[in-house]
Every structure is written in structure tokens, then in C-alpha cells.
Amino acid sequence: MSNSFEWICLDLGGVLHDDRGTLEPMLVVAARLLGLSVDEVRERHRAEKSLMAVLRQAAAGAGTDDWPSLLQGFRRGVVEALEDADIPPYAEVPEALDRLSGGYKLALASNTLGLARPWLEHYGLTEHFSHLHLAGEVGYNKPRPEFFAGLIEATGAAPGKILMVGDRIVTDCAPALEAGTAAVLIRRYERRLEGYEDYAERLWAEVRDLDVLAQRLGR
């Protein structure tokens, strides 16, 4: 499968590591900060697809302009909650990143708040990335168009030269495709994916892991 991509933009959870065990501690931290029950925060997260969006809405609803302090408190709480957690990269990730970064510029495009940089550093993966595009730093979360517009601008490449790689349709692949980039779905295990039927035929590829993607890209 031929391509002319210059940039490969990767999500974090579900692409580089298994994030299924990290959400609950993050919900607990958000609930404590917002004075809500964990179930209330969980329902808001399901609706908004992003904890950052939940936090922003809560701050706006309270009429507070102290968003930076709220975000800092959330980051600090999450790092503390997960500092002893073992969240290794998927087995194929280090070698696959080495292969991919040998032929493309890599960007991390993630909604993760406060964990991405220390996680990459802890597992020695930072050097593979030319750019980190993190929702908590750029001010917009996926799937907002502003997140992807900022990502495209940061790469300096035409949208058609960019390949977005994610494990979800709604927050990763669909908005990337609408922004004009190509998209790959990483599907490591069977599950229902919202929006899959609408976008499946527009995906550049659907693969089980980064090793297969690297092979598809000729690396």
C-alpha cells in the first residue's frame, strides 16, 4: 500500500499502552475536585468523550476563572494516583516506534492530562517523537476541530501528508478525516466502536497493532 506521508500522529491510550485500568482513578480524582460522585463524573465523561471537557464545563458552570488551578490540581492528583501503577507500553511498541521514526516524523496526539510526558520519559520513548500535541497544553481536546487544526499547523505539513492513528472512531479517526488527514484504526480487541459503520470505508487501514502498521508503511 503506497503512501506519501510525512507525519504519523499517534494516540496514547489504546495505541501505545492499555488504558483500560487508568480511567477509574482519573474519575475518582475528578470527582473529588468537582465535589461530585464518581458515577456523576462517569456519566459526564461518557457524554463528552473527554475528562478535560468535563472539567472545563464544570469550571464554566461554576462561573470560575480559575481553570489553570483546576487543571493543575487534576494533573497532580492523577500523577499521584497512578505513580505506583505499572502501565507498560504494549510489547511491540518500542521496536515499532523505532522503525516508524526512521522513516517519518512522529507526533503524540492525546487527551491524556498530565501523564503523557512522564510516561514517555519513564519508558524511554520520548526520543521517537518530534512533537507532543497534548490536550491539557494546547487548550482543546479531541474530537474538537481546533485540536486537529492545531496539530496540522504544528506539523507544518499539508493534511494529506499526515496519518492519524487511534483506537476510537469518534475521538480519533473521524475528526482527523474531517480535517483532511488520513486515519488508521488500531483495533487490539473486539468491541463496538461508535461511528465505525460511517467511517470504516474511509480509513487508510485497520490494524491490530503498531507492528502491523509499520509493515503496511514499509518500515
C-alpha atoms as a PDB file:
ATOM      1  CA  MET A   1       0.000   0.000   0.000  1.00  0.00           C
ATOM      2  CA  SER A   2       1.792   3.142  -1.209  1.00  0.00           C
ATOM      3  CA  ASN A   3       1.777   6.416   0.707  1.00  0.00           C
ATOM      4  CA  SER A   4       3.400   9.833   0.752  1.00  0.00           C
ATOM      5  CA  PHE A   5       3.010  10.565   4.448  1.00  0.00           C
ATOM      6  CA  GLU A   6       5.485  12.759   6.300  1.00  0.00           C
ATOM      7  CA  TRP A   7       3.951  12.616   9.782  1.00  0.00           C
ATOM      8  CA  ILE A   8       2.445   9.774  11.824  1.00  0.00           C
ATOM      9  CA  CYS A   9       0.335  11.103  14.713  1.00  0.00           C
ATOM     10  CA  LEU A  10      -0.376   8.593  17.459  1.00  0.00           C
ATOM     11  CA  ASP A  11      -2.901   8.489  20.255  1.00  0.00           C
ATOM     12  CA  LEU A  12      -1.608   7.274  23.632  1.00  0.00           C
ATOM     13  CA  GLY A  13      -4.113   5.022  25.404  1.00  0.00           C
ATOM     14  CA  GLY A  14      -5.133   2.014  23.332  1.00  0.00           C
ATOM     15  CA  VAL A  15      -2.323   2.669  20.838  1.00  0.00           C
ATOM     16  CA  LEU A  16       0.865   2.816  22.908  1.00  0.00           C
ATOM     17  CA  HIS A  17      -0.416   1.310  26.153  1.00  0.00           C
ATOM     18  CA  ASP A  18      -3.512  -0.337  27.608  1.00  0.00           C
ATOM     19  CA  ASP A  19      -5.503   2.437  29.263  1.00  0.00           C
ATOM     20  CA  ARG A  20      -8.404   0.340  30.488  1.00  0.00           C
ATOM     21  CA  GLY A  21      -7.057   0.368  34.045  1.00  0.00           C
ATOM     22  CA  THR A  22      -6.290   4.087  34.268  1.00  0.00           C
ATOM     23  CA  LEU A  23      -9.719   5.636  33.750  1.00  0.00           C
ATOM     24  CA  GLU A  24     -11.242   4.775  37.136  1.00  0.00           C
ATOM     25  CA  PRO A  25      -8.512   6.503  39.197  1.00  0.00           C
ATOM     26  CA  MET A  26      -8.842   9.556  36.949  1.00  0.00           C
ATOM     27  CA  LEU A  27     -12.612   9.629  37.501  1.00  0.00           C
ATOM     28  CA  VAL A  28     -12.060   9.484  41.261  1.00  0.00           C
ATOM     29  CA  VAL A  29      -9.655  12.447  41.139  1.00  0.00           C
ATOM     30  CA  ALA A  30     -12.066  14.497  39.005  1.00  0.00           C
ATOM     31  CA  ALA A  31     -14.994  13.671  41.287  1.00  0.00           C
ATOM     32  CA  ARG A  32     -13.059  14.816  44.345  1.00  0.00           C
ATOM     33  CA  LEU A  33     -12.067  18.109  42.698  1.00  0.00           C
ATOM     34  CA  LEU A  34     -15.563  18.844  41.412  1.00  0.00           C
ATOM     35  CA  GLY A  35     -17.461  17.753  44.518  1.00  0.00           C
ATOM     36  CA  LEU A  36     -19.447  15.186  42.544  1.00  0.00           C
ATOM     37  CA  SER A  37     -19.941  11.459  42.823  1.00  0.00           C
ATOM     38  CA  VAL A  38     -17.791   9.180  40.699  1.00  0.00           C
ATOM     39  CA  ASP A  39     -20.944   7.971  38.928  1.00  0.00           C
ATOM     40  CA  GLU A  40     -21.871  11.559  38.000  1.00  0.00           C
ATOM     41  CA  VAL A  41     -18.425  12.187  36.546  1.00  0.00           C
ATOM     42  CA  ARG A  42     -18.526   8.841  34.717  1.00  0.00           C
ATOM     43  CA  GLU A  43     -21.805   9.775  33.023  1.00  0.00           C
ATOM     44  CA  ARG A  44     -20.473  13.182  32.010  1.00  0.00           C
ATOM     45  CA  HIS A  45     -17.342  11.543  30.621  1.00  0.00           C
ATOM     46  CA  ARG A  46     -19.423   9.138  28.543  1.00  0.00           C
ATOM     47  CA  ALA A  47     -21.304  12.077  27.066  1.00  0.00           C
ATOM     48  CA  GLU A  48     -18.296  14.328  26.430  1.00  0.00           C
ATOM     49  CA  LYS A  49     -15.685  11.656  25.492  1.00  0.00           C
ATOM     50  CA  SER A  50     -13.047  13.608  27.423  1.00  0.00           C
ATOM     51  CA  LEU A  51     -12.346  14.324  31.081  1.00  0.00           C
ATOM     52  CA  MET A  52     -10.839  17.664  30.127  1.00  0.00           C
ATOM     53  CA  ALA A  53     -14.155  18.661  28.573  1.00  0.00           C
ATOM     54  CA  VAL A  54     -15.940  17.600  31.768  1.00  0.00           C
ATOM     55  CA  LEU A  55     -13.576  19.696  33.873  1.00  0.00           C
ATOM     56  CA  ARG A  56     -13.896  22.716  31.580  1.00  0.00           C
ATOM     57  CA  GLN A  57     -17.683  22.542  31.629  1.00  0.00           C
ATOM     58  CA  ALA A  58     -17.728  22.277  35.416  1.00  0.00           C
ATOM     59  CA  ALA A  59     -15.419  25.292  35.730  1.00  0.00           C
ATOM     60  CA  ALA A  60     -17.557  27.318  33.315  1.00  0.00           C
ATOM     61  CA  GLY A  61     -20.765  26.286  35.076  1.00  0.00           C
ATOM     62  CA  ALA A  62     -19.367  27.414  38.408  1.00  0.00           C
ATOM     63  CA  GLY A  63     -18.501  30.772  36.884  1.00  0.00           C
ATOM     64  CA  THR A  64     -14.883  30.422  37.923  1.00  0.00           C
ATOM     65  CA  ASP A  65     -11.907  31.746  36.010  1.00  0.00           C
ATOM     66  CA  ASP A  66      -9.570  29.505  37.969  1.00  0.00           C
ATOM     67  CA  TRP A  67      -9.318  26.907  35.188  1.00  0.00           C
ATOM     68  CA  PRO A  68      -5.489  26.744  35.362  1.00  0.00           C
ATOM     69  CA  SER A  69      -5.607  25.844  39.063  1.00  0.00           C
ATOM     70  CA  LEU A  70      -8.285  23.224  38.476  1.00  0.00           C
ATOM     71  CA  LEU A  71      -6.273  21.675  35.657  1.00  0.00           C
ATOM     72  CA  GLN A  72      -3.082  21.734  37.727  1.00  0.00           C
ATOM     73  CA  GLY A  73      -4.889  20.080  40.628  1.00  0.00           C
ATOM     74  CA  PHE A  74      -6.241  17.377  38.351  1.00  0.00           C
ATOM     75  CA  ARG A  75      -2.848  16.674  36.818  1.00  0.00           C
ATOM     76  CA  ARG A  76      -1.224  16.491  40.231  1.00  0.00           C
ATOM     77  CA  GLY A  77      -3.947  14.206  41.567  1.00  0.00           C
ATOM     78  CA  VAL A  78      -3.766  11.861  38.592  1.00  0.00           C
ATOM     79  CA  VAL A  79       0.022  11.593  38.723  1.00  0.00           C
ATOM     80  CA  GLU A  80      -0.166  10.824  42.451  1.00  0.00           C
ATOM     81  CA  ALA A  81      -2.945   8.275  41.925  1.00  0.00           C
ATOM     82  CA  LEU A  82      -1.054   6.450  39.203  1.00  0.00           C
ATOM     83  CA  GLU A  83       2.558   6.944  40.254  1.00  0.00           C
ATOM     84  CA  ASP A  84       2.819   3.371  41.512  1.00  0.00           C
ATOM     85  CA  ALA A  85       0.774   1.890  38.674  1.00  0.00           C
ATOM     86  CA  ASP A  86       2.504  -0.337  36.158  1.00  0.00           C
ATOM     87  CA  ILE A  87       1.418   0.888  32.715  1.00  0.00           C
ATOM     88  CA  PRO A  88       3.995  -0.526  30.306  1.00  0.00           C
ATOM     89  CA  PRO A  89       3.840   0.041  26.558  1.00  0.00           C
ATOM     90  CA  TYR A  90       2.378  -2.763  24.502  1.00  0.00           C
ATOM     91  CA  ALA A  91       5.061  -5.343  23.725  1.00  0.00           C
ATOM     92  CA  GLU A  92       5.611  -4.303  20.104  1.00  0.00           C
ATOM     93  CA  VAL A  93       5.587  -0.545  20.705  1.00  0.00           C
ATOM     94  CA  PRO A  94       9.279   0.270  21.401  1.00  0.00           C
ATOM     95  CA  GLU A  95      10.559  -1.535  18.313  1.00  0.00           C
ATOM     96  CA  ALA A  96       7.672  -0.292  16.142  1.00  0.00           C
ATOM     97  CA  LEU A  97       8.296   3.325  17.177  1.00  0.00           C
ATOM     98  CA  ASP A  98      11.964   2.897  16.350  1.00  0.00           C
ATOM     99  CA  ARG A  99      11.070   1.635  12.890  1.00  0.00           C
ATOM    100  CA  LEU A 100       8.414   4.288  12.252  1.00  0.00           C
ATOM    101  CA  SER A 101      10.591   7.179  13.441  1.00  0.00           C
ATOM    102  CA  GLY A 102      13.245   6.044  10.992  1.00  0.00           C
ATOM    103  CA  GLY A 103      11.026   6.994   8.078  1.00  0.00           C
ATOM    104  CA  TYR A 104       8.517   9.502   9.420  1.00  0.00           C
ATOM    105  CA  LYS A 105       8.210  12.298  11.936  1.00  0.00           C
ATOM    106  CA  LEU A 106       6.096  11.165  14.872  1.00  0.00           C
ATOM    107  CA  ALA A 107       3.675  13.217  16.948  1.00  0.00           C
ATOM    108  CA  LEU A 108       1.770  12.183  20.045  1.00  0.00           C
ATOM    109  CA  ALA A 109      -1.821  13.457  19.828  1.00  0.00           C
ATOM    110  CA  SER A 110      -3.513  12.723  23.131  1.00  0.00           C
ATOM    111  CA  ASN A 111      -6.241  13.865  25.508  1.00  0.00           C
ATOM    112  CA  THR A 112      -4.308  12.441  28.465  1.00  0.00           C
ATOM    113  CA  LEU A 113      -3.798  15.072  31.142  1.00  0.00           C
ATOM    114  CA  GLY A 114      -0.511  15.172  32.967  1.00  0.00           C
ATOM    115  CA  LEU A 115       0.650  11.640  32.215  1.00  0.00           C
ATOM    116  CA  ALA A 116       1.957  11.618  28.660  1.00  0.00           C
ATOM    117  CA  ARG A 117       5.330  13.310  29.161  1.00  0.00           C
ATOM    118  CA  PRO A 118       6.360  11.413  32.329  1.00  0.00           C
ATOM    119  CA  TRP A 119       5.110   8.142  30.821  1.00  0.00           C
ATOM    120  CA  LEU A 120       7.193   8.585  27.663  1.00  0.00           C
ATOM    121  CA  GLU A 121      10.230   9.548  29.718  1.00  0.00           C
ATOM    122  CA  HIS A 122       9.811   6.629  32.130  1.00  0.00           C
ATOM    123  CA  TYR A 123       9.795   4.085  29.312  1.00  0.00           C
ATOM    124  CA  GLY A 124      12.482   5.796  27.232  1.00  0.00           C
ATOM    125  CA  LEU A 125      10.200   6.619  24.310  1.00  0.00           C
ATOM    126  CA  THR A 126      10.410  10.430  24.213  1.00  0.00           C
ATOM    127  CA  GLU A 127      13.209  10.494  21.651  1.00  0.00           C
ATOM    128  CA  HIS A 128      10.987   8.961  18.992  1.00  0.00           C
ATOM    129  CA  PHE A 129       8.635  11.964  18.924  1.00  0.00           C
ATOM    130  CA  SER A 130       9.198  15.240  17.097  1.00  0.00           C
ATOM    131  CA  HIS A 131       6.110  16.851  18.623  1.00  0.00           C
ATOM    132  CA  LEU A 132       3.781  16.279  21.582  1.00  0.00           C
ATOM    133  CA  HIS A 133       0.280  17.648  20.986  1.00  0.00           C
ATOM    134  CA  LEU A 134      -1.457  17.264  24.349  1.00  0.00           C
ATOM    135  CA  ALA A 135      -4.958  18.477  25.108  1.00  0.00           C
ATOM    136  CA  GLY A 136      -4.047  19.841  28.523  1.00  0.00           C
ATOM    137  CA  GLU A 137      -1.358  22.011  26.953  1.00  0.00           C
ATOM    138  CA  VAL A 138      -2.949  23.175  23.700  1.00  0.00           C
ATOM    139  CA  GLY A 139      -6.306  24.017  25.311  1.00  0.00           C
ATOM    140  CA  TYR A 140      -8.506  21.819  23.107  1.00  0.00           C
ATOM    141  CA  ASN A 141      -9.392  18.180  23.415  1.00  0.00           C
ATOM    142  CA  LYS A 142     -10.208  15.604  20.780  1.00  0.00           C
ATOM    143  CA  PRO A 143     -12.552  15.419  18.928  1.00  0.00           C
ATOM    144  CA  ARG A 144     -12.794  19.223  18.663  1.00  0.00           C
ATOM    145  CA  PRO A 145     -11.763  20.549  15.237  1.00  0.00           C
ATOM    146  CA  GLU A 146      -9.439  23.044  16.916  1.00  0.00           C
ATOM    147  CA  PHE A 147      -7.335  20.189  18.294  1.00  0.00           C
ATOM    148  CA  PHE A 148      -6.731  18.767  14.829  1.00  0.00           C
ATOM    149  CA  ALA A 149      -6.287  22.163  13.199  1.00  0.00           C
ATOM    150  CA  GLY A 150      -3.599  22.914  15.765  1.00  0.00           C
ATOM    151  CA  LEU A 151      -1.989  19.531  15.191  1.00  0.00           C
ATOM    152  CA  ILE A 152      -1.825  20.106  11.441  1.00  0.00           C
ATOM    153  CA  GLU A 153      -0.402  23.595  11.958  1.00  0.00           C
ATOM    154  CA  ALA A 154       2.216  22.279  14.396  1.00  0.00           C
ATOM    155  CA  THR A 155       3.479  19.711  11.898  1.00  0.00           C
ATOM    156  CA  GLY A 156       3.807  22.287   9.141  1.00  0.00           C
ATOM    157  CA  ALA A 157       2.637  19.631   6.687  1.00  0.00           C
ATOM    158  CA  ALA A 158      -0.312  19.512   4.323  1.00  0.00           C
ATOM    159  CA  PRO A 159      -3.193  17.474   5.815  1.00  0.00           C
ATOM    160  CA  GLY A 160      -2.765  14.813   3.141  1.00  0.00           C
ATOM    161  CA  LYS A 161       0.790  14.198   4.370  1.00  0.00           C
ATOM    162  CA  ILE A 162      -0.444  13.302   7.874  1.00  0.00           C
ATOM    163  CA  LEU A 163      -1.673   9.940   9.157  1.00  0.00           C
ATOM    164  CA  MET A 164      -3.618   9.881  12.433  1.00  0.00           C
ATOM    165  CA  VAL A 165      -3.523   6.598  14.356  1.00  0.00           C
ATOM    166  CA  GLY A 166      -6.091   5.986  17.087  1.00  0.00           C
ATOM    167  CA  ASP A 167      -8.178   3.310  18.757  1.00  0.00           C
ATOM    168  CA  ARG A 168     -11.503   5.137  18.513  1.00  0.00           C
ATOM    169  CA  ILE A 169     -13.566   6.445  15.646  1.00  0.00           C
ATOM    170  CA  VAL A 170     -15.354   9.364  17.308  1.00  0.00           C
ATOM    171  CA  THR A 171     -12.365  10.964  19.040  1.00  0.00           C
ATOM    172  CA  ASP A 172      -9.512   9.953  16.731  1.00  0.00           C
ATOM    173  CA  CYS A 173     -10.307   8.800  13.213  1.00  0.00           C
ATOM    174  CA  ALA A 174     -13.482  10.700  12.328  1.00  0.00           C
ATOM    175  CA  PRO A 175     -12.280  14.207  13.287  1.00  0.00           C
ATOM    176  CA  ALA A 176      -8.909  13.541  11.657  1.00  0.00           C
ATOM    177  CA  LEU A 177     -10.596  12.528   8.410  1.00  0.00           C
ATOM    178  CA  GLU A 178     -12.835  15.593   8.546  1.00  0.00           C
ATOM    179  CA  ALA A 179      -9.714  17.735   8.992  1.00  0.00           C
ATOM    180  CA  GLY A 180      -8.321  16.264   5.771  1.00  0.00           C
ATOM    181  CA  THR A 181      -5.735  13.825   7.120  1.00  0.00           C
ATOM    182  CA  ALA A 182      -5.672  10.067   6.620  1.00  0.00           C
ATOM    183  CA  ALA A 183      -6.559   7.795   9.531  1.00  0.00           C
ATOM    184  CA  VAL A 184      -5.739   4.321  10.805  1.00  0.00           C
ATOM    185  CA  LEU A 185      -7.778   2.442  13.380  1.00  0.00           C
ATOM    186  CA  ILE A 186      -5.862   0.314  15.888  1.00  0.00           C
ATOM    187  CA  ARG A 187      -8.220  -2.445  16.991  1.00  0.00           C
ATOM    188  CA  ARG A 188      -6.467  -4.610  19.552  1.00  0.00           C
ATOM    189  CA  TYR A 189      -9.590  -6.380  20.808  1.00  0.00           C
ATOM    190  CA  GLU A 190     -13.168  -6.797  19.665  1.00  0.00           C
ATOM    191  CA  ARG A 191     -15.602  -4.146  20.874  1.00  0.00           C
ATOM    192  CA  ARG A 192     -18.340  -1.988  19.478  1.00  0.00           C
ATOM    193  CA  LEU A 193     -16.961   1.306  18.185  1.00  0.00           C
ATOM    194  CA  GLU A 194     -19.348   4.224  17.871  1.00  0.00           C
ATOM    195  CA  GLY A 195     -19.327   5.639  14.339  1.00  0.00           C
ATOM    196  CA  TYR A 196     -17.460   2.688  12.819  1.00  0.00           C
ATOM    197  CA  GLU A 197     -20.023   1.980  10.118  1.00  0.00           C
ATOM    198  CA  ASP A 198     -19.940   5.603   8.955  1.00  0.00           C
ATOM    199  CA  TYR A 199     -16.158   5.824   8.599  1.00  0.00           C
ATOM    200  CA  ALA A 200     -14.825   2.283   8.060  1.00  0.00           C
ATOM    201  CA  GLU A 201     -14.523   2.652   4.285  1.00  0.00           C
ATOM    202  CA  ARG A 202     -12.631   5.947   4.641  1.00  0.00           C
ATOM    203  CA  LEU A 203      -9.883   4.518   6.852  1.00  0.00           C
ATOM    204  CA  TRP A 204      -6.421   4.155   5.311  1.00  0.00           C
ATOM    205  CA  ALA A 205      -6.120   0.891   7.226  1.00  0.00           C
ATOM    206  CA  GLU A 206      -7.435  -1.058  10.202  1.00  0.00           C
ATOM    207  CA  VAL A 207      -4.731  -2.988  12.053  1.00  0.00           C
ATOM    208  CA  ARG A 208      -4.311  -4.947  15.268  1.00  0.00           C
ATOM    209  CA  ASP A 209      -1.109  -3.235  16.479  1.00  0.00           C
ATOM    210  CA  LEU A 210       1.784  -0.925  15.577  1.00  0.00           C
ATOM    211  CA  ASP A 211       3.921  -3.744  14.237  1.00  0.00           C
ATOM    212  CA  VAL A 212       1.351  -4.420  11.512  1.00  0.00           C
ATOM    213  CA  LEU A 213       1.064  -0.688  10.817  1.00  0.00           C
ATOM    214  CA  ALA A 214       4.843  -0.370  10.436  1.00  0.00           C
ATOM    215  CA  GLN A 215       4.770  -3.242   7.951  1.00  0.00           C
ATOM    216  CA  ARG A 216       1.966  -1.579   5.985  1.00  0.00           C
ATOM    217  CA  LEU A 217       4.043   1.586   5.863  1.00  0.00           C
ATOM    218  CA  GLY A 218       7.090  -0.302   4.625  1.00  0.00           C
ATOM    219  CA  ARG A 219       9.120   0.006   7.824  1.00  0.00           C
END
